């Protein structure tokens, strides 16, 4: 499933939502997109305008996706 840039930005912005269920759902959705999403997440991670919480969660997601891609490869 392919998401547009605006949809991906919306998902990333929800990573620091106050509702932990929302965050869990967003993380699962991002992980379901697979390793192809890593370059986008890395680009977003480099943006200085993001909160430290989002940056840390992006870092964790990138590492998880890289690990999963490595295991499948």
C-alpha atoms as a PDB file:
ATOM      1  CA  UNK A   1       0.000   0.000   0.000  1.00  0.00           C
ATOM      2  CA  UNK A   2       1.375   3.352  -1.055  1.00  0.00           C
ATOM      3  CA  UNK A   3       0.808   6.452   1.039  1.00  0.00           C
ATOM      4  CA  UNK A   4       1.148  10.033  -0.142  1.00  0.00           C
ATOM      5  CA  UNK A   5       3.662  12.377   1.427  1.00  0.00           C
ATOM      6  CA  UNK A   6       0.907  14.281   3.235  1.00  0.00           C
ATOM      7  CA  UNK A   7      -0.414  11.065   4.781  1.00  0.00           C
ATOM      8  CA  UNK A   8       3.060  10.075   5.947  1.00  0.00           C
ATOM      9  CA  UNK A   9       3.602  13.525   7.469  1.00  0.00           C
ATOM     10  CA  UNK A  10       0.307  13.171   9.320  1.00  0.00           C
ATOM     11  CA  UNK A  11       1.330   9.766  10.684  1.00  0.00           C
ATOM     12  CA  UNK A  12       4.699  11.105  11.843  1.00  0.00           C
ATOM     13  CA  UNK A  13       3.048  14.065  13.551  1.00  0.00           C
ATOM     14  CA  UNK A  14       0.873  11.656  15.572  1.00  0.00           C
ATOM     15  CA  UNK A  15       3.889   9.907  17.093  1.00  0.00           C
ATOM     16  CA  UNK A  16       3.770  12.240  20.092  1.00  0.00           C
ATOM     17  CA  UNK A  17       0.015  12.108  20.563  1.00  0.00           C
ATOM     18  CA  UNK A  18      -1.161  12.104  24.174  1.00  0.00           C
ATOM     19  CA  UNK A  19      -3.154   8.910  23.580  1.00  0.00           C
ATOM     20  CA  UNK A  20      -0.854   5.879  23.768  1.00  0.00           C
ATOM     21  CA  UNK A  21      -3.329   3.827  21.707  1.00  0.00           C
ATOM     22  CA  UNK A  22      -3.017   6.337  18.860  1.00  0.00           C
ATOM     23  CA  UNK A  23       0.786   6.164  19.062  1.00  0.00           C
ATOM     24  CA  UNK A  24       0.723   2.353  19.044  1.00  0.00           C
ATOM     25  CA  UNK A  25      -1.603   2.317  16.027  1.00  0.00           C
ATOM     26  CA  UNK A  26       0.581   4.826  14.151  1.00  0.00           C
ATOM     27  CA  UNK A  27       3.767   2.871  14.907  1.00  0.00           C
ATOM     28  CA  UNK A  28       2.113  -0.336  13.659  1.00  0.00           C
ATOM     29  CA  UNK A  29       0.943   1.401  10.493  1.00  0.00           C
ATOM     30  CA  UNK A  30       4.422   2.766   9.783  1.00  0.00           C
ATOM     31  CA  UNK A  31       6.018  -0.637  10.450  1.00  0.00           C
ATOM     32  CA  UNK A  32       3.509  -2.281   8.098  1.00  0.00           C
ATOM     33  CA  UNK A  33       4.848  -0.132   5.265  1.00  0.00           C
ATOM     34  CA  UNK A  34       8.143  -2.016   5.427  1.00  0.00           C
ATOM     35  CA  UNK A  35      11.729  -1.098   4.687  1.00  0.00           C
ATOM     36  CA  UNK A  36      10.866   1.078   1.686  1.00  0.00           C
ATOM     37  CA  UNK A  37       9.715   3.776   4.113  1.00  0.00           C
ATOM     38  CA  UNK A  38      13.139   4.074   5.822  1.00  0.00           C
ATOM     39  CA  UNK A  39      14.539   6.849   3.559  1.00  0.00           C
ATOM     40  CA  UNK A  40      11.431   8.956   4.173  1.00  0.00           C
ATOM     41  CA  UNK A  41      11.654   8.426   7.935  1.00  0.00           C
ATOM     42  CA  UNK A  42      15.346   9.342   7.874  1.00  0.00           C
ATOM     43  CA  UNK A  43      14.553  12.557   6.004  1.00  0.00           C
ATOM     44  CA  UNK A  44      11.873  13.450   8.528  1.00  0.00           C
ATOM     45  CA  UNK A  45      14.200  12.574  11.433  1.00  0.00           C
ATOM     46  CA  UNK A  46      16.730  15.152  10.204  1.00  0.00           C
ATOM     47  CA  UNK A  47      14.195  17.989  10.435  1.00  0.00           C
ATOM     48  CA  UNK A  48      15.108  20.234  13.346  1.00  0.00           C
ATOM     49  CA  UNK A  49      11.487  21.337  13.757  1.00  0.00           C
ATOM     50  CA  UNK A  50      10.427  17.950  15.135  1.00  0.00           C
ATOM     51  CA  UNK A  51      10.083  17.416  18.846  1.00  0.00           C
ATOM     52  CA  UNK A  52      12.669  15.239  20.598  1.00  0.00           C
ATOM     53  CA  UNK A  53       9.896  12.721  21.295  1.00  0.00           C
ATOM     54  CA  UNK A  54       9.093  12.316  17.597  1.00  0.00           C
ATOM     55  CA  UNK A  55      12.767  12.159  16.665  1.00  0.00           C
ATOM     56  CA  UNK A  56      13.380   9.394  19.205  1.00  0.00           C
ATOM     57  CA  UNK A  57      10.353   7.422  18.019  1.00  0.00           C
ATOM     58  CA  UNK A  58      11.429   7.814  14.394  1.00  0.00           C
ATOM     59  CA  UNK A  59      14.872   6.539  15.346  1.00  0.00           C
ATOM     60  CA  UNK A  60      13.329   3.489  17.017  1.00  0.00           C
ATOM     61  CA  UNK A  61      11.074   2.822  14.024  1.00  0.00           C
ATOM     62  CA  UNK A  62      13.990   3.112  11.588  1.00  0.00           C
ATOM     63  CA  UNK A  63      16.043   0.654  13.648  1.00  0.00           C
ATOM     64  CA  UNK A  64      13.116  -1.788  13.887  1.00  0.00           C
ATOM     65  CA  UNK A  65      12.485  -1.620  10.128  1.00  0.00           C
ATOM     66  CA  UNK A  66      16.185  -2.063   9.337  1.00  0.00           C
ATOM     67  CA  UNK A  67      16.378  -5.070  11.660  1.00  0.00           C
ATOM     68  CA  UNK A  68      13.268  -6.630  10.150  1.00  0.00           C
ATOM     69  CA  UNK A  69      14.566  -6.039   6.607  1.00  0.00           C
ATOM     70  CA  UNK A  70      17.889  -7.613   7.577  1.00  0.00           C
ATOM     71  CA  UNK A  71      16.191 -10.682   9.055  1.00  0.00           C
ATOM     72  CA  UNK A  72      14.033 -11.197   5.954  1.00  0.00           C
ATOM     73  CA  UNK A  73      16.947 -10.649   3.561  1.00  0.00           C
END
